[in-house]
Amino acid sequence: MGFLQRLWRIIKANINSVLQKTEDPEKILEQAVSDMQEDLVKLRQAVAQAIASQKRTERQANQAKNTAEEWKKRAQLALEKGNEELAREALTRRQNYQQTADSLGEQLEQQNQVIDKLKADMRKLESKISEAKNKKDMYIARARSAEATQRVSEFMQGVNTGSSLSAFEQMEEKVTEMEASAEATAEMRQDDIEQQFASLEQGGSVDAELNQMKQQSQSRSQQKERTEAQQAEVDQELEKLRSELKQ
């Protein structure tokens, strides 16, 4: 249909030039897709109306055909009864209804062609809407990216980068000095802590060795006492045996 081709040409032209305009590209693209969807609704309504008209024509054609058949039967009945004049009148009406049925049949064929064309246009428009939606998303993304890049460029143009970088360098030097001072303080405190622990560990080692020596000495004394006690018992037992032998 003409309006479909015209619409698609307008949409393609707008999509190709929309990013160069001052209007909001996103709104323009959204509106373009919305317009196409409205046209699709109208086209679907046209298809529905055409189908409804086709159904009416089909019913009228069938009715005219059935009526023509009824008048043919009446003509046969009149002829059988010998009423040729009535049979002639019946055949005349039968021809009129048959002509109406034939005419409606031709009209029905034309309506079928129109409906097929409308359905084909509707499918094309649905495909182009899907294509337009994909392109819309792509161009909106490009427009947003371009807008963000432009804002960053404008911002950078208004920034005094020399003074800002100088301030960062000065702050970096100050932070470096503070870190060096903190590291030196930490190392000094660490050394002091290490010395304290070394003294504690050394003192603990001496005490442990002294205790070990005391335990060893005590163990030797206890062993000596046990040995002397055993020897005394043996001597006592030996003296007892001697006494028994003398008796």
C-alpha atoms as a PDB file:
ATOM      1  CA  MET A   1       0.000   0.000   0.000  1.00  0.00           C
ATOM      2  CA  GLY A   2       1.134   3.578  -0.646  1.00  0.00           C
ATOM      3  CA  PHE A   3       1.037   4.788   2.937  1.00  0.00           C
ATOM      4  CA  LEU A   4       3.233   1.836   4.023  1.00  0.00           C
ATOM      5  CA  GLN A   5       5.992   2.662   1.534  1.00  0.00           C
ATOM      6  CA  ARG A   6       5.797   6.362   2.373  1.00  0.00           C
ATOM      7  CA  LEU A   7       5.965   5.688   6.089  1.00  0.00           C
ATOM      8  CA  TRP A   8       9.024   3.460   5.794  1.00  0.00           C
ATOM      9  CA  ARG A   9      10.865   6.033   3.677  1.00  0.00           C
ATOM     10  CA  ILE A  10      10.184   8.669   6.311  1.00  0.00           C
ATOM     11  CA  ILE A  11      11.327   6.360   9.118  1.00  0.00           C
ATOM     12  CA  LYS A  12      14.596   5.493   7.367  1.00  0.00           C
ATOM     13  CA  ALA A  13      15.295   9.144   6.605  1.00  0.00           C
ATOM     14  CA  ASN A  14      14.668  10.135  10.210  1.00  0.00           C
ATOM     15  CA  ILE A  15      16.832   7.339  11.594  1.00  0.00           C
ATOM     16  CA  ASN A  16      19.761   8.353   9.373  1.00  0.00           C
ATOM     17  CA  SER A  17      19.571  12.043  10.298  1.00  0.00           C
ATOM     18  CA  VAL A  18      18.160  12.018  13.822  1.00  0.00           C
ATOM     19  CA  LEU A  19      21.524  12.160  15.589  1.00  0.00           C
ATOM     20  CA  GLN A  20      22.368  15.433  13.821  1.00  0.00           C
ATOM     21  CA  LYS A  21      19.239  17.236  15.049  1.00  0.00           C
ATOM     22  CA  THR A  22      18.790  19.236  18.214  1.00  0.00           C
ATOM     23  CA  GLU A  23      15.754  17.220  19.337  1.00  0.00           C
ATOM     24  CA  ASP A  24      16.053  14.321  21.738  1.00  0.00           C
ATOM     25  CA  PRO A  25      16.959  11.313  19.515  1.00  0.00           C
ATOM     26  CA  GLU A  26      15.413   8.849  21.947  1.00  0.00           C
ATOM     27  CA  LYS A  27      12.044  10.609  21.886  1.00  0.00           C
ATOM     28  CA  ILE A  28      12.077  10.897  18.096  1.00  0.00           C
ATOM     29  CA  LEU A  29      12.837   7.205  17.628  1.00  0.00           C
ATOM     30  CA  GLU A  30      10.261   6.178  20.192  1.00  0.00           C
ATOM     31  CA  GLN A  31       7.683   8.327  18.420  1.00  0.00           C
ATOM     32  CA  ALA A  32       8.621   6.854  15.028  1.00  0.00           C
ATOM     33  CA  VAL A  33       8.112   3.302  16.293  1.00  0.00           C
ATOM     34  CA  SER A  34       4.876   4.359  18.002  1.00  0.00           C
ATOM     35  CA  ASP A  35       3.586   5.814  14.707  1.00  0.00           C
ATOM     36  CA  MET A  36       4.414   2.588  12.906  1.00  0.00           C
ATOM     37  CA  GLN A  37       2.576   0.576  15.530  1.00  0.00           C
ATOM     38  CA  GLU A  38      -0.472   2.815  15.171  1.00  0.00           C
ATOM     39  CA  ASP A  39      -0.391   2.227  11.415  1.00  0.00           C
ATOM     40  CA  LEU A  40      -0.173  -1.490  12.076  1.00  0.00           C
ATOM     41  CA  VAL A  41      -3.303  -1.276  14.232  1.00  0.00           C
ATOM     42  CA  LYS A  42      -5.112   0.552  11.426  1.00  0.00           C
ATOM     43  CA  LEU A  43      -3.922  -2.008   8.891  1.00  0.00           C
ATOM     44  CA  ARG A  44      -5.155  -4.859  11.061  1.00  0.00           C
ATOM     45  CA  GLN A  45      -8.523  -3.132  11.358  1.00  0.00           C
ATOM     46  CA  ALA A  46      -8.644  -2.797   7.573  1.00  0.00           C
ATOM     47  CA  VAL A  47      -7.878  -6.506   7.214  1.00  0.00           C
ATOM     48  CA  ALA A  48     -10.622  -7.352   9.711  1.00  0.00           C
ATOM     49  CA  GLN A  49     -13.134  -5.151   7.867  1.00  0.00           C
ATOM     50  CA  ALA A  50     -12.152  -6.665   4.527  1.00  0.00           C
ATOM     51  CA  ILE A  51     -12.628 -10.185   5.896  1.00  0.00           C
ATOM     52  CA  ALA A  52     -16.002  -9.223   7.365  1.00  0.00           C
ATOM     53  CA  SER A  53     -17.084  -7.789   3.971  1.00  0.00           C
ATOM     54  CA  GLN A  54     -15.832 -10.947   2.284  1.00  0.00           C
ATOM     55  CA  LYS A  55     -17.957 -13.075   4.596  1.00  0.00           C
ATOM     56  CA  ARG A  56     -21.052 -10.991   3.824  1.00  0.00           C
ATOM     57  CA  THR A  57     -20.428 -11.269   0.072  1.00  0.00           C
ATOM     58  CA  GLU A  58     -19.911 -14.995   0.415  1.00  0.00           C
ATOM     59  CA  ARG A  59     -23.209 -15.386   2.289  1.00  0.00           C
ATOM     60  CA  GLN A  60     -25.036 -13.254  -0.316  1.00  0.00           C
ATOM     61  CA  ALA A  61     -23.545 -15.243  -3.193  1.00  0.00           C
ATOM     62  CA  ASN A  62     -24.557 -18.558  -1.602  1.00  0.00           C
ATOM     63  CA  GLN A  63     -28.038 -17.227  -0.916  1.00  0.00           C
ATOM     64  CA  ALA A  64     -28.462 -16.020  -4.533  1.00  0.00           C
ATOM     65  CA  LYS A  65     -27.197 -19.347  -5.809  1.00  0.00           C
ATOM     66  CA  ASN A  66     -29.601 -21.296  -3.599  1.00  0.00           C
ATOM     67  CA  THR A  67     -32.511 -19.064  -4.627  1.00  0.00           C
ATOM     68  CA  ALA A  68     -31.657 -19.563  -8.312  1.00  0.00           C
ATOM     69  CA  GLU A  69     -31.722 -23.314  -7.719  1.00  0.00           C
ATOM     70  CA  GLU A  70     -35.143 -23.032  -6.041  1.00  0.00           C
ATOM     71  CA  TRP A  71     -36.614 -21.138  -9.050  1.00  0.00           C
ATOM     72  CA  LYS A  72     -35.212 -23.772 -11.344  1.00  0.00           C
ATOM     73  CA  LYS A  73     -37.072 -26.449  -9.407  1.00  0.00           C
ATOM     74  CA  ARG A  74     -40.259 -24.342  -9.572  1.00  0.00           C
ATOM     75  CA  ALA A  75     -39.867 -23.967 -13.347  1.00  0.00           C
ATOM     76  CA  GLN A  76     -39.585 -27.747 -13.654  1.00  0.00           C
ATOM     77  CA  LEU A  77     -42.690 -28.173 -11.499  1.00  0.00           C
ATOM     78  CA  ALA A  78     -44.705 -25.668 -13.562  1.00  0.00           C
ATOM     79  CA  LEU A  79     -43.598 -27.338 -16.792  1.00  0.00           C
ATOM     80  CA  GLU A  80     -44.618 -30.737 -15.461  1.00  0.00           C
ATOM     81  CA  LYS A  81     -48.042 -29.311 -14.619  1.00  0.00           C
ATOM     82  CA  GLY A  82     -48.374 -27.969 -18.129  1.00  0.00           C
ATOM     83  CA  ASN A  83     -48.094 -24.280 -17.164  1.00  0.00           C
ATOM     84  CA  GLU A  84     -45.447 -23.176 -19.590  1.00  0.00           C
ATOM     85  CA  GLU A  85     -45.993 -19.468 -18.928  1.00  0.00           C
ATOM     86  CA  LEU A  86     -45.374 -19.914 -15.205  1.00  0.00           C
ATOM     87  CA  ALA A  87     -42.325 -22.057 -15.976  1.00  0.00           C
ATOM     88  CA  ARG A  88     -40.971 -19.255 -18.208  1.00  0.00           C
ATOM     89  CA  GLU A  89     -41.451 -16.704 -15.399  1.00  0.00           C
ATOM     90  CA  ALA A  90     -39.696 -18.994 -12.933  1.00  0.00           C
ATOM     91  CA  LEU A  91     -36.723 -19.444 -15.289  1.00  0.00           C
ATOM     92  CA  THR A  92     -36.514 -15.661 -15.788  1.00  0.00           C
ATOM     93  CA  ARG A  93     -36.200 -15.156 -12.030  1.00  0.00           C
ATOM     94  CA  ARG A  94     -33.781 -18.035 -11.815  1.00  0.00           C
ATOM     95  CA  GLN A  95     -31.523 -16.287 -14.367  1.00  0.00           C
ATOM     96  CA  ASN A  96     -31.681 -13.026 -12.395  1.00  0.00           C
ATOM     97  CA  TYR A  97     -30.594 -14.723  -9.170  1.00  0.00           C
ATOM     98  CA  GLN A  98     -27.938 -16.696 -11.035  1.00  0.00           C
ATOM     99  CA  GLN A  99     -26.532 -13.482 -12.512  1.00  0.00           C
ATOM    100  CA  THR A 100     -26.488 -11.962  -9.039  1.00  0.00           C
ATOM    101  CA  ALA A 101     -24.666 -15.063  -7.715  1.00  0.00           C
ATOM    102  CA  ASP A 102     -22.111 -14.873 -10.558  1.00  0.00           C
ATOM    103  CA  SER A 103     -21.546 -11.173  -9.976  1.00  0.00           C
ATOM    104  CA  LEU A 104     -21.074 -11.722  -6.250  1.00  0.00           C
ATOM    105  CA  GLY A 105     -18.685 -14.570  -7.032  1.00  0.00           C
ATOM    106  CA  GLU A 106     -16.515 -12.221  -9.104  1.00  0.00           C
ATOM    107  CA  GLN A 107     -16.680  -9.644  -6.320  1.00  0.00           C
ATOM    108  CA  LEU A 108     -15.690 -12.320  -3.816  1.00  0.00           C
ATOM    109  CA  GLU A 109     -12.627 -13.198  -5.902  1.00  0.00           C
ATOM    110  CA  GLN A 110     -11.557  -9.547  -5.950  1.00  0.00           C
ATOM    111  CA  GLN A 111     -12.047  -9.306  -2.200  1.00  0.00           C
ATOM    112  CA  ASN A 112      -9.858 -12.376  -1.708  1.00  0.00           C
ATOM    113  CA  GLN A 113      -7.074 -10.710  -3.675  1.00  0.00           C
ATOM    114  CA  VAL A 114      -7.428  -7.502  -1.637  1.00  0.00           C
ATOM    115  CA  ILE A 115      -7.317  -9.448   1.631  1.00  0.00           C
ATOM    116  CA  ASP A 116      -4.231 -11.367   0.517  1.00  0.00           C
ATOM    117  CA  LYS A 117      -2.545  -8.052  -0.337  1.00  0.00           C
ATOM    118  CA  LEU A 118      -3.532  -6.498   2.993  1.00  0.00           C
ATOM    119  CA  LYS A 119      -2.225  -9.519   4.900  1.00  0.00           C
ATOM    120  CA  ALA A 120       1.059  -9.359   2.983  1.00  0.00           C
ATOM    121  CA  ASP A 121       1.375  -5.628   3.742  1.00  0.00           C
ATOM    122  CA  MET A 122       0.604  -6.330   7.390  1.00  0.00           C
ATOM    123  CA  ARG A 123       3.347  -8.949   7.614  1.00  0.00           C
ATOM    124  CA  LYS A 124       5.803  -6.562   5.963  1.00  0.00           C
ATOM    125  CA  LEU A 125       4.902  -3.797   8.388  1.00  0.00           C
ATOM    126  CA  GLU A 126       5.299  -6.155  11.358  1.00  0.00           C
ATOM    127  CA  SER A 127       8.749  -7.116  10.076  1.00  0.00           C
ATOM    128  CA  LYS A 128       9.718  -3.470   9.554  1.00  0.00           C
ATOM    129  CA  ILE A 129       8.513  -2.577  13.057  1.00  0.00           C
ATOM    130  CA  SER A 130      10.706  -5.331  14.483  1.00  0.00           C
ATOM    131  CA  GLU A 131      13.625  -4.032  12.406  1.00  0.00           C
ATOM    132  CA  ALA A 132      12.894  -0.460  13.495  1.00  0.00           C
ATOM    133  CA  LYS A 133      12.865  -1.487  17.168  1.00  0.00           C
ATOM    134  CA  ASN A 134      16.288  -3.098  16.811  1.00  0.00           C
ATOM    135  CA  LYS A 135      17.648  -0.045  15.029  1.00  0.00           C
ATOM    136  CA  LYS A 136      15.997   2.209  17.598  1.00  0.00           C
ATOM    137  CA  ASP A 137      17.819   0.471  20.461  1.00  0.00           C
ATOM    138  CA  MET A 138      21.107   0.662  18.561  1.00  0.00           C
ATOM    139  CA  TYR A 139      20.762   4.355  17.692  1.00  0.00           C
ATOM    140  CA  ILE A 140      19.604   5.263  21.194  1.00  0.00           C
ATOM    141  CA  ALA A 141      22.698   3.551  22.617  1.00  0.00           C
ATOM    142  CA  ARG A 142      24.890   5.446  20.141  1.00  0.00           C
ATOM    143  CA  ALA A 143      23.143   8.719  20.950  1.00  0.00           C
ATOM    144  CA  ARG A 144      23.635   8.229  24.694  1.00  0.00           C
ATOM    145  CA  SER A 145      27.292   7.341  24.188  1.00  0.00           C
ATOM    146  CA  ALA A 146      27.841  10.392  21.984  1.00  0.00           C
ATOM    147  CA  GLU A 147      26.062  12.625  24.497  1.00  0.00           C
ATOM    148  CA  ALA A 148      28.174  11.285  27.371  1.00  0.00           C
ATOM    149  CA  THR A 149      31.381  11.763  25.371  1.00  0.00           C
ATOM    150  CA  GLN A 150      30.378  15.312  24.542  1.00  0.00           C
ATOM    151  CA  ARG A 151      29.663  16.104  28.204  1.00  0.00           C
ATOM    152  CA  VAL A 152      33.053  14.718  29.258  1.00  0.00           C
ATOM    153  CA  SER A 153      34.816  16.736  26.544  1.00  0.00           C
ATOM    154  CA  GLU A 154      33.042  19.929  27.601  1.00  0.00           C
ATOM    155  CA  PHE A 155      33.879  19.258  31.235  1.00  0.00           C
ATOM    156  CA  MET A 156      37.545  18.637  30.481  1.00  0.00           C
ATOM    157  CA  GLN A 157      37.726  21.869  28.505  1.00  0.00           C
ATOM    158  CA  GLY A 158      36.579  23.824  31.557  1.00  0.00           C
ATOM    159  CA  VAL A 159      38.983  22.146  33.983  1.00  0.00           C
ATOM    160  CA  ASN A 160      42.379  23.714  34.818  1.00  0.00           C
ATOM    161  CA  THR A 161      44.345  20.491  34.594  1.00  0.00           C
ATOM    162  CA  GLY A 162      47.722  22.140  35.274  1.00  0.00           C
ATOM    163  CA  SER A 163      46.846  23.410  38.752  1.00  0.00           C
ATOM    164  CA  SER A 164      44.929  20.256  39.543  1.00  0.00           C
ATOM    165  CA  LEU A 165      47.869  18.022  38.624  1.00  0.00           C
ATOM    166  CA  SER A 166      50.229  20.249  40.623  1.00  0.00           C
ATOM    167  CA  ALA A 167      48.009  19.926  43.678  1.00  0.00           C
ATOM    168  CA  PHE A 168      47.990  16.137  43.266  1.00  0.00           C
ATOM    169  CA  GLU A 169      51.783  16.055  43.025  1.00  0.00           C
ATOM    170  CA  GLN A 170      52.152  18.117  46.185  1.00  0.00           C
ATOM    171  CA  MET A 171      49.700  15.899  48.004  1.00  0.00           C
ATOM    172  CA  GLU A 172      51.563  12.817  46.782  1.00  0.00           C
ATOM    173  CA  GLU A 173      54.838  14.136  48.212  1.00  0.00           C
ATOM    174  CA  LYS A 174      53.130  14.924  51.546  1.00  0.00           C
ATOM    175  CA  VAL A 175      51.594  11.460  51.747  1.00  0.00           C
ATOM    176  CA  THR A 176      54.958   9.862  50.898  1.00  0.00           C
ATOM    177  CA  GLU A 177      56.646  11.781  53.743  1.00  0.00           C
ATOM    178  CA  MET A 178      53.909  10.735  56.178  1.00  0.00           C
ATOM    179  CA  GLU A 179      54.237   7.091  55.110  1.00  0.00           C
ATOM    180  CA  ALA A 180      58.040   7.170  55.522  1.00  0.00           C
ATOM    181  CA  SER A 181      57.714   8.685  59.012  1.00  0.00           C
ATOM    182  CA  ALA A 182      55.122   6.087  60.009  1.00  0.00           C
ATOM    183  CA  GLU A 183      57.336   3.253  58.741  1.00  0.00           C
ATOM    184  CA  ALA A 184      60.338   4.556  60.703  1.00  0.00           C
ATOM    185  CA  THR A 185      58.295   4.810  63.904  1.00  0.00           C
ATOM    186  CA  ALA A 186      56.926   1.314  63.375  1.00  0.00           C
ATOM    187  CA  GLU A 187      60.418  -0.118  62.805  1.00  0.00           C
ATOM    188  CA  MET A 188      61.780   1.539  65.976  1.00  0.00           C
ATOM    189  CA  ARG A 189      58.906   0.198  68.037  1.00  0.00           C
ATOM    190  CA  GLN A 190      59.316  -3.215  66.468  1.00  0.00           C
ATOM    191  CA  ASP A 191      63.008  -3.280  67.381  1.00  0.00           C
ATOM    192  CA  ASP A 192      62.164  -2.338  70.981  1.00  0.00           C
ATOM    193  CA  ILE A 193      59.563  -5.078  71.193  1.00  0.00           C
ATOM    194  CA  GLU A 194      61.996  -7.619  69.720  1.00  0.00           C
ATOM    195  CA  GLN A 195      64.593  -6.724  72.354  1.00  0.00           C
ATOM    196  CA  GLN A 196      62.084  -7.126  75.146  1.00  0.00           C
ATOM    197  CA  PHE A 197      61.036 -10.521  73.900  1.00  0.00           C
ATOM    198  CA  ALA A 198      64.674 -11.557  73.443  1.00  0.00           C
ATOM    199  CA  SER A 199      65.384 -10.681  77.082  1.00  0.00           C
ATOM    200  CA  LEU A 200      62.352 -12.604  78.239  1.00  0.00           C
ATOM    201  CA  GLU A 201      63.297 -15.586  76.118  1.00  0.00           C
ATOM    202  CA  GLN A 202      66.918 -15.505  77.372  1.00  0.00           C
ATOM    203  CA  GLY A 203      65.825 -15.238  81.011  1.00  0.00           C
ATOM    204  CA  GLY A 204      63.427 -18.074  80.553  1.00  0.00           C
ATOM    205  CA  SER A 205      66.158 -20.257  79.052  1.00  0.00           C
ATOM    206  CA  VAL A 206      68.457 -19.790  82.078  1.00  0.00           C
ATOM    207  CA  ASP A 207      65.676 -20.594  84.518  1.00  0.00           C
ATOM    208  CA  ALA A 208      64.772 -23.693  82.570  1.00  0.00           C
ATOM    209  CA  GLU A 209      68.367 -24.938  82.560  1.00  0.00           C
ATOM    210  CA  LEU A 210      68.703 -24.277  86.325  1.00  0.00           C
ATOM    211  CA  ASN A 211      65.530 -26.219  87.041  1.00  0.00           C
ATOM    212  CA  GLN A 212      66.781 -29.070  84.911  1.00  0.00           C
ATOM    213  CA  MET A 213      70.038 -29.221  86.874  1.00  0.00           C
ATOM    214  CA  LYS A 214      68.107 -29.193  90.154  1.00  0.00           C
ATOM    215  CA  GLN A 215      65.933 -32.052  88.986  1.00  0.00           C
ATOM    216  CA  GLN A 216      68.956 -34.050  87.865  1.00  0.00           C
ATOM    217  CA  SER A 217      70.681 -33.524  91.228  1.00  0.00           C
ATOM    218  CA  GLN A 218      67.562 -34.485  93.105  1.00  0.00           C
ATOM    219  CA  SER A 219      67.191 -37.584  90.955  1.00  0.00           C
ATOM    220  CA  ARG A 220      70.771 -38.670  91.667  1.00  0.00           C
ATOM    221  CA  SER A 221      70.240 -38.198  95.391  1.00  0.00           C
ATOM    222  CA  GLN A 222      67.070 -40.254  95.313  1.00  0.00           C
ATOM    223  CA  GLN A 223      68.826 -42.985  93.340  1.00  0.00           C
ATOM    224  CA  LYS A 224      71.674 -43.072  95.830  1.00  0.00           C
ATOM    225  CA  GLU A 225      69.246 -43.367  98.726  1.00  0.00           C
ATOM    226  CA  ARG A 226      67.410 -46.235  97.043  1.00  0.00           C
ATOM    227  CA  THR A 227      70.712 -48.020  96.364  1.00  0.00           C
ATOM    228  CA  GLU A 228      71.875 -47.650  99.994  1.00  0.00           C
ATOM    229  CA  ALA A 229      68.524 -48.907 101.263  1.00  0.00           C
ATOM    230  CA  GLN A 230      68.698 -51.950  99.015  1.00  0.00           C
ATOM    231  CA  GLN A 231      72.259 -52.647 100.165  1.00  0.00           C
ATOM    232  CA  ALA A 232      71.178 -52.406 103.797  1.00  0.00           C
ATOM    233  CA  GLU A 233      68.402 -54.878 103.199  1.00  0.00           C
ATOM    234  CA  VAL A 234      70.836 -57.274 101.503  1.00  0.00           C
ATOM    235  CA  ASP A 235      73.322 -56.975 104.413  1.00  0.00           C
ATOM    236  CA  GLN A 236      70.537 -57.570 106.886  1.00  0.00           C
ATOM    237  CA  GLU A 237      69.343 -60.638 104.990  1.00  0.00           C
ATOM    238  CA  LEU A 238      72.928 -61.960 104.758  1.00  0.00           C
ATOM    239  CA  GLU A 239      73.472 -61.515 108.494  1.00  0.00           C
ATOM    240  CA  LYS A 240      70.246 -63.396 109.142  1.00  0.00           C
ATOM    241  CA  LEU A 241      71.469 -66.336 107.047  1.00  0.00           C
ATOM    242  CA  ARG A 242      74.756 -66.393 108.920  1.00  0.00           C
ATOM    243  CA  SER A 243      72.965 -66.575 112.209  1.00  0.00           C
ATOM    244  CA  GLU A 244      70.875 -69.501 111.041  1.00  0.00           C
ATOM    245  CA  LEU A 245      73.990 -71.413 109.917  1.00  0.00           C
ATOM    246  CA  LYS A 246      75.699 -70.997 113.285  1.00  0.00           C
ATOM    247  CA  GLN A 247      72.806 -72.606 115.023  1.00  0.00           C
END
